[in-house]
Amino acid sequence: MLLSRTADNLYWLARYVERAEYLARILETTLRLIALPLSYGGASNEWESAIASAGCAHAFFTTHNEANEEAVTDFLVFSTDNPSSIRSCFEIARLNARAVRTALTIEMWDSINGIWLELKNWGKGPYSREQLARFLRWVMESSLRFDGSSYRTMLRNDAYCFSRMGVYLERADNTARILDVKYHLLLPAVANVGGPLDYFQWASILRSVSALTAYHWVYRQNVKPWLVAELLILKDEMPRSLASCYENLVQNLDHLATAYGRQGPAQRQARAVRARLMNSRIEEIFQSGLHEFIGGFIEDNNRLGSAIAEQYLM
């Protein structure tokens, strides 16, 4: 049985690496959207949407008056004042990794330590839009490299379960937020709904979670908002969907319950959310309000995080 401190370090190591990748995906999507020609239907506040998707709006606007490209990229990429910037995420992840060095495989340590060393070569961060795009691609590739080293080298024991729970809890929150923001900050004017701007925004949302190809495999038709929502919320076969994340969370929590000989609030909370997703239909979700559904999901996801912490990490 793991010490709670070791479990906590593994859990947060995985969460912060996943969060860094998500921030890179948000910013790459934003760069795609601002590159659209004006003829596609006008401008929308993509940089504000990036801050909202990252869950940093309150912290950002306490020190900034306007969400523009320079301020947002600095805040989300290399700012030491933002505990959720990409730099901060990788720094905290490495600190957690160092604390449990003996619980990691050689490949996992080499990956996270190499990320930190290479990050320092970027100095104060990218200085041009082209260099920013290369940096964001490096962040995503680095996260995939660490995730792959975990998946392919860790013993399937309780340490592995805590690491994967960190991944899936963070991923569920991230997918929910990016889908919700589209409906509120990126939603175009009524005249543009269904137009080129709307289409490219939704396609960019799919790209941001590596789901554009998957969408066409599943639906074999043009991008439609309700089908995008269905894919990212209800489809088990989509790795970043809410349903897939909770299927994996339930499995890992059940494995811990078997290993430790007892169930608890975390297992019950995860199963309740999983059952609600399995019994939901996208038509019903839209009728009752997508924003309300996602808001409720994010609250439930936060409650599960608290339940896991109280049950195992304290």
Protein backbone atom coordinates (compact mmCIF):
# COMPACT_ATOMS: atom_id res chain seq x y z
CA MET A 1 0.00 0.00 0.00
CA LEU A 2 1.32 3.44 -0.95
CA LEU A 3 1.90 6.22 1.53
CA SER A 4 -0.71 8.93 1.00
CA ARG A 5 2.08 11.43 0.29
CA THR A 6 3.46 9.25 -2.52
CA ALA A 7 -0.03 8.76 -3.95
CA ASP A 8 -0.60 12.52 -3.82
CA ASN A 9 2.65 13.26 -5.67
CA LEU A 10 1.89 10.75 -8.43
CA TYR A 11 -1.66 12.05 -8.80
CA TRP A 12 -0.61 15.69 -9.11
CA LEU A 13 2.39 14.91 -11.30
CA ALA A 14 0.00 13.42 -13.86
CA ARG A 15 -2.53 16.25 -13.49
CA TYR A 16 0.00 19.02 -14.08
CA VAL A 17 1.52 17.36 -17.16
CA GLU A 18 -2.00 16.91 -18.57
CA ARG A 19 -2.83 20.53 -17.74
CA ALA A 20 0.27 21.84 -19.54
CA GLU A 21 -0.74 19.91 -22.67
CA TYR A 22 -4.28 21.28 -22.44
CA LEU A 23 -3.03 24.88 -22.21
CA ALA A 24 -0.89 24.29 -25.30
CA ARG A 25 -3.94 22.93 -27.12
CA ILE A 26 -6.02 25.98 -26.14
CA LEU A 27 -3.38 28.39 -27.41
CA GLU A 28 -2.82 26.47 -30.64
CA THR A 29 -6.57 26.55 -31.28
CA THR A 30 -6.61 30.29 -30.61
CA LEU A 31 -3.79 30.86 -33.09
CA ARG A 32 -5.80 28.95 -35.71
CA LEU A 33 -8.91 31.03 -35.08
CA ILE A 34 -7.22 34.43 -35.23
CA ALA A 35 -5.60 33.41 -38.52
CA LEU A 36 -9.02 33.07 -40.20
CA PRO A 37 -9.67 35.67 -42.91
CA LEU A 38 -12.12 38.45 -42.03
CA SER A 39 -14.32 37.27 -44.89
CA TYR A 40 -15.31 34.27 -42.76
CA GLY A 41 -17.75 36.36 -40.85
CA GLY A 42 -16.21 38.79 -38.45
CA ALA A 43 -14.13 38.63 -35.32
CA SER A 44 -14.86 37.07 -31.95
CA ASN A 45 -12.98 37.37 -28.68
CA GLU A 46 -10.70 34.34 -29.00
CA TRP A 47 -8.07 35.54 -26.52
CA GLU A 48 -10.70 36.07 -23.85
CA SER A 49 -12.02 32.59 -24.64
CA ALA A 50 -8.53 31.16 -24.15
CA ILE A 51 -8.33 32.63 -20.66
CA ALA A 52 -11.84 31.40 -19.83
CA SER A 53 -11.09 27.90 -21.14
CA ALA A 54 -7.97 27.76 -18.99
CA GLY A 55 -10.04 28.62 -15.90
CA CYS A 56 -7.78 31.61 -15.20
CA ALA A 57 -10.12 34.51 -15.96
CA HIS A 58 -10.34 35.84 -12.39
CA ALA A 59 -6.57 35.71 -11.83
CA PHE A 60 -5.86 37.22 -15.23
CA PHE A 61 -8.20 40.20 -14.95
CA THR A 62 -6.97 41.13 -11.48
CA THR A 63 -3.68 42.17 -13.10
CA HIS A 64 -4.70 42.86 -16.73
CA ASN A 65 -7.30 45.16 -18.23
CA GLU A 66 -7.58 43.50 -21.62
CA ALA A 67 -7.24 39.96 -22.99
CA ASN A 68 -4.93 40.51 -25.98
CA GLU A 69 -2.39 38.24 -27.64
CA GLU A 70 0.72 39.43 -25.81
CA ALA A 71 -0.85 39.44 -22.34
CA VAL A 72 -2.64 36.10 -22.70
CA THR A 73 0.30 34.20 -24.17
CA ASP A 74 2.65 35.54 -21.49
CA PHE A 75 0.18 34.67 -18.71
CA LEU A 76 -0.55 31.15 -19.96
CA VAL A 77 2.91 30.19 -21.20
CA PHE A 78 5.79 31.47 -19.06
CA SER A 79 4.36 33.65 -16.28
CA THR A 80 5.72 32.73 -12.84
CA ASP A 81 2.83 34.68 -11.30
CA ASN A 82 0.33 32.21 -12.78
CA PRO A 83 0.49 28.83 -10.96
CA SER A 84 -1.29 27.27 -13.93
CA SER A 85 0.98 28.56 -16.71
CA ILE A 86 2.71 25.94 -18.84
CA ARG A 87 6.04 26.74 -17.19
CA SER A 88 4.54 26.49 -13.69
CA CYS A 89 2.78 23.22 -14.56
CA PHE A 90 6.02 21.58 -15.70
CA GLU A 91 7.93 22.97 -12.73
CA ILE A 92 5.38 21.65 -10.22
CA ALA A 93 5.20 18.33 -12.08
CA ARG A 94 8.98 17.91 -11.83
CA LEU A 95 8.93 18.79 -8.12
CA ASN A 96 6.32 16.10 -7.57
CA ALA A 97 8.38 13.66 -9.63
CA ARG A 98 11.52 14.39 -7.61
CA ALA A 99 9.63 13.75 -4.38
CA VAL A 100 8.70 10.24 -5.55
CA ARG A 101 11.74 9.49 -7.71
CA THR A 102 11.91 5.86 -6.53
CA ALA A 103 8.24 5.28 -7.43
CA LEU A 104 8.84 6.27 -11.06
CA THR A 105 10.34 4.15 -13.80
CA ILE A 106 13.60 5.31 -15.34
CA GLU A 107 11.75 6.29 -18.51
CA MET A 108 9.23 8.42 -16.62
CA TRP A 109 11.93 10.31 -14.73
CA ASP A 110 14.05 10.83 -17.84
CA SER A 111 10.98 12.20 -19.63
CA ILE A 112 9.85 14.71 -17.00
CA ASN A 113 13.39 15.79 -16.11
CA GLY A 114 14.23 16.20 -19.79
CA ILE A 115 11.14 18.35 -20.28
CA TRP A 116 12.24 20.68 -17.48
CA LEU A 117 15.82 20.96 -18.77
CA GLU A 118 14.66 21.66 -22.32
CA LEU A 119 12.09 24.18 -21.08
CA LYS A 120 14.90 26.26 -19.58
CA ASN A 121 16.44 26.57 -23.04
CA TRP A 122 13.44 28.66 -24.09
CA GLY A 123 14.53 31.47 -21.75
CA LYS A 124 11.64 33.86 -21.17
CA GLY A 125 9.47 32.18 -23.76
CA PRO A 126 8.72 32.38 -27.51
CA TYR A 127 9.17 35.86 -29.02
CA SER A 128 7.20 35.43 -32.26
CA ARG A 129 3.95 33.78 -33.35
CA GLU A 130 5.86 31.21 -35.42
CA GLN A 131 8.12 30.33 -32.50
CA LEU A 132 5.08 30.13 -30.21
CA ALA A 133 3.51 27.59 -32.56
CA ARG A 134 6.70 25.47 -32.43
CA PHE A 135 6.82 25.76 -28.65
CA LEU A 136 3.19 24.64 -28.27
CA ARG A 137 3.83 21.64 -30.52
CA TRP A 138 6.86 20.75 -28.35
CA VAL A 139 4.71 20.97 -25.18
CA MET A 140 2.11 18.58 -26.64
CA GLU A 141 4.77 16.15 -27.84
CA SER A 142 6.50 16.29 -24.44
CA SER A 143 3.27 15.53 -22.63
CA LEU A 144 2.55 12.61 -24.96
CA ARG A 145 6.07 11.30 -24.37
CA PHE A 146 5.61 11.37 -20.59
CA ASP A 147 2.13 9.83 -20.81
CA GLY A 148 3.46 7.10 -23.09
CA SER A 149 6.34 6.32 -20.72
CA SER A 150 3.85 6.00 -17.85
CA TYR A 151 1.45 3.81 -19.78
CA ARG A 152 4.13 1.53 -21.20
CA THR A 153 6.48 1.11 -18.23
CA MET A 154 4.54 1.37 -14.95
CA LEU A 155 3.57 -1.72 -12.99
CA ARG A 156 -0.23 -2.01 -12.91
CA ASN A 157 -0.55 -1.42 -9.17
CA ASP A 158 -1.99 1.30 -6.93
CA ALA A 159 0.74 3.77 -7.98
CA TYR A 160 -0.39 3.38 -11.59
CA CYS A 161 -4.03 3.89 -10.58
CA PHE A 162 -3.31 7.18 -8.82
CA SER A 163 -1.30 8.41 -11.79
CA ARG A 164 -4.07 7.55 -14.26
CA MET A 165 -6.77 9.07 -12.04
CA GLY A 166 -4.87 12.35 -12.16
CA VAL A 167 -4.82 12.18 -15.97
CA TYR A 168 -8.52 11.40 -16.39
CA LEU A 169 -9.84 13.81 -13.77
CA GLU A 170 -7.86 16.68 -15.31
CA ARG A 171 -8.76 15.64 -18.86
CA ALA A 172 -12.49 15.53 -18.06
CA ASP A 173 -12.36 19.04 -16.61
CA ASN A 174 -10.43 20.34 -19.61
CA THR A 175 -12.76 18.84 -22.23
CA ALA A 176 -15.82 20.17 -20.42
CA ARG A 177 -14.40 23.69 -20.21
CA ILE A 178 -13.35 24.00 -23.82
CA LEU A 179 -16.77 22.78 -24.99
CA ASP A 180 -18.60 25.14 -22.66
CA VAL A 181 -16.60 28.20 -23.70
CA LYS A 182 -17.52 27.72 -27.36
CA TYR A 183 -21.15 28.26 -26.47
CA HIS A 184 -20.58 31.46 -24.53
CA LEU A 185 -17.55 33.41 -25.68
CA LEU A 186 -17.01 32.02 -29.17
CA LEU A 187 -20.68 31.71 -30.16
CA PRO A 188 -21.03 33.90 -33.26
CA ALA A 189 -23.80 36.33 -34.02
CA VAL A 190 -27.07 34.76 -35.12
CA ALA A 191 -26.38 35.69 -38.73
CA ASN A 192 -23.12 33.69 -38.64
CA VAL A 193 -24.47 30.48 -37.07
CA GLY A 194 -23.89 27.73 -39.60
CA GLY A 195 -21.63 30.00 -41.64
CA PRO A 196 -17.91 29.62 -42.44
CA LEU A 197 -16.77 31.23 -39.17
CA ASP A 198 -18.98 28.91 -37.12
CA TYR A 199 -17.75 25.87 -39.04
CA PHE A 200 -14.06 26.70 -38.58
CA GLN A 201 -14.54 27.44 -34.88
CA TRP A 202 -16.12 24.04 -34.30
CA ALA A 203 -13.47 22.33 -36.42
CA SER A 204 -10.82 24.09 -34.32
CA ILE A 205 -12.47 22.87 -31.12
CA LEU A 206 -12.27 19.32 -32.48
CA ARG A 207 -8.61 19.81 -33.42
CA SER A 208 -7.89 21.12 -29.93
CA VAL A 209 -8.80 17.71 -28.48
CA SER A 210 -7.38 15.70 -31.44
CA ALA A 211 -10.90 14.69 -32.49
CA LEU A 212 -11.43 16.06 -35.99
CA THR A 213 -10.49 12.81 -37.74
CA ALA A 214 -12.43 10.80 -35.16
CA TYR A 215 -15.49 12.98 -35.79
CA HIS A 216 -15.49 12.18 -39.49
CA TRP A 217 -14.96 8.47 -38.80
CA VAL A 218 -17.94 8.38 -36.42
CA TYR A 219 -20.41 10.66 -38.23
CA ARG A 220 -19.22 10.86 -41.85
CA GLN A 221 -20.78 14.29 -42.38
CA ASN A 222 -20.02 17.99 -42.00
CA VAL A 223 -19.24 19.40 -38.57
CA LYS A 224 -22.45 20.03 -36.63
CA PRO A 225 -22.48 21.52 -33.09
CA TRP A 226 -24.77 18.89 -31.53
CA LEU A 227 -22.69 16.04 -32.97
CA VAL A 228 -19.46 17.65 -31.70
CA ALA A 229 -21.05 17.88 -28.25
CA GLU A 230 -22.23 14.26 -28.43
CA LEU A 231 -18.74 13.06 -29.41
CA LEU A 232 -17.00 14.97 -26.62
CA ILE A 233 -19.56 14.18 -23.93
CA LEU A 234 -21.16 10.78 -24.53
CA LYS A 235 -18.97 8.67 -26.83
CA ASP A 236 -16.93 6.10 -24.88
CA GLU A 237 -14.69 5.42 -27.88
CA MET A 238 -13.44 9.04 -27.94
CA PRO A 239 -10.42 9.09 -25.54
CA ARG A 240 -10.98 12.69 -24.39
CA SER A 241 -14.74 12.47 -23.99
CA LEU A 242 -16.33 12.88 -20.57
CA ALA A 243 -17.79 9.36 -20.84
CA SER A 244 -14.38 7.81 -21.61
CA CYS A 245 -12.69 9.69 -18.77
CA TYR A 246 -15.26 8.45 -16.28
CA GLU A 247 -15.17 4.90 -17.57
CA ASN A 248 -11.43 4.93 -16.77
CA LEU A 249 -11.90 6.71 -13.44
CA VAL A 250 -14.41 4.08 -12.30
CA GLN A 251 -12.08 1.26 -13.37
CA ASN A 252 -9.08 2.68 -11.50
CA LEU A 253 -11.10 3.50 -8.39
CA ASP A 254 -12.58 -0.01 -8.38
CA HIS A 255 -9.06 -1.44 -8.67
CA LEU A 256 -8.03 0.58 -5.61
CA ALA A 257 -11.14 -0.58 -3.73
CA THR A 258 -10.20 -4.19 -4.44
CA ALA A 259 -6.54 -3.66 -3.54
CA TYR A 260 -7.35 -1.84 -0.27
CA GLY A 261 -10.38 -3.95 0.64
CA ARG A 262 -13.00 -1.22 0.92
CA GLN A 263 -15.25 1.08 -1.09
CA GLY A 264 -15.76 4.74 -0.27
CA PRO A 265 -17.32 8.07 -1.35
CA ALA A 266 -14.94 8.39 -4.31
CA GLN A 267 -16.17 5.13 -5.87
CA ARG A 268 -19.81 6.08 -5.34
CA GLN A 269 -19.34 9.59 -6.76
CA ALA A 270 -17.52 8.32 -9.87
CA ARG A 271 -20.17 5.65 -10.52
CA ALA A 272 -22.99 8.18 -10.15
CA VAL A 273 -21.44 10.51 -12.75
CA ARG A 274 -20.69 7.59 -15.06
CA ALA A 275 -24.30 6.36 -14.81
CA ARG A 276 -25.64 9.85 -15.54
CA LEU A 277 -23.49 10.08 -18.68
CA MET A 278 -24.53 6.62 -19.84
CA ASN A 279 -28.21 7.49 -19.43
CA SER A 280 -28.01 10.91 -21.10
CA ARG A 281 -29.00 11.72 -24.66
CA ILE A 282 -27.63 14.71 -26.53
CA GLU A 283 -31.15 15.91 -27.48
CA GLU A 284 -32.12 16.02 -23.80
CA ILE A 285 -28.90 17.80 -22.88
CA PHE A 286 -29.53 20.55 -25.45
CA GLN A 287 -33.16 20.90 -24.39
CA SER A 288 -32.23 21.41 -20.74
CA GLY A 289 -29.20 23.57 -21.63
CA LEU A 290 -25.68 22.52 -22.57
CA HIS A 291 -24.12 25.18 -20.35
CA GLU A 292 -26.12 23.99 -17.34
CA PHE A 293 -25.21 20.36 -18.03
CA ILE A 294 -21.50 21.11 -18.33
CA GLY A 295 -21.57 23.40 -15.28
CA GLY A 296 -23.10 20.59 -13.26
CA PHE A 297 -20.53 18.14 -14.60
CA ILE A 298 -17.60 20.40 -13.65
CA GLU A 299 -19.00 20.71 -10.11
CA ASP A 300 -19.38 16.92 -9.90
CA ASN A 301 -15.85 16.46 -11.22
CA ASN A 302 -14.50 18.83 -8.56
CA ARG A 303 -16.44 16.92 -5.90
CA LEU A 304 -14.85 13.69 -7.08
CA GLY A 305 -11.42 15.31 -6.83
CA SER A 306 -12.20 16.30 -3.24
CA ALA A 307 -13.50 12.82 -2.45
CA ILE A 308 -10.34 11.19 -3.84
CA ALA A 309 -8.18 13.59 -1.81
CA GLU A 310 -10.08 12.93 1.44
CA GLN A 311 -10.22 9.18 0.92
CA TYR A 312 -6.65 8.53 -0.25
CA LEU A 313 -4.35 11.56 -0.34
CA MET A 314 -4.46 13.00 3.17
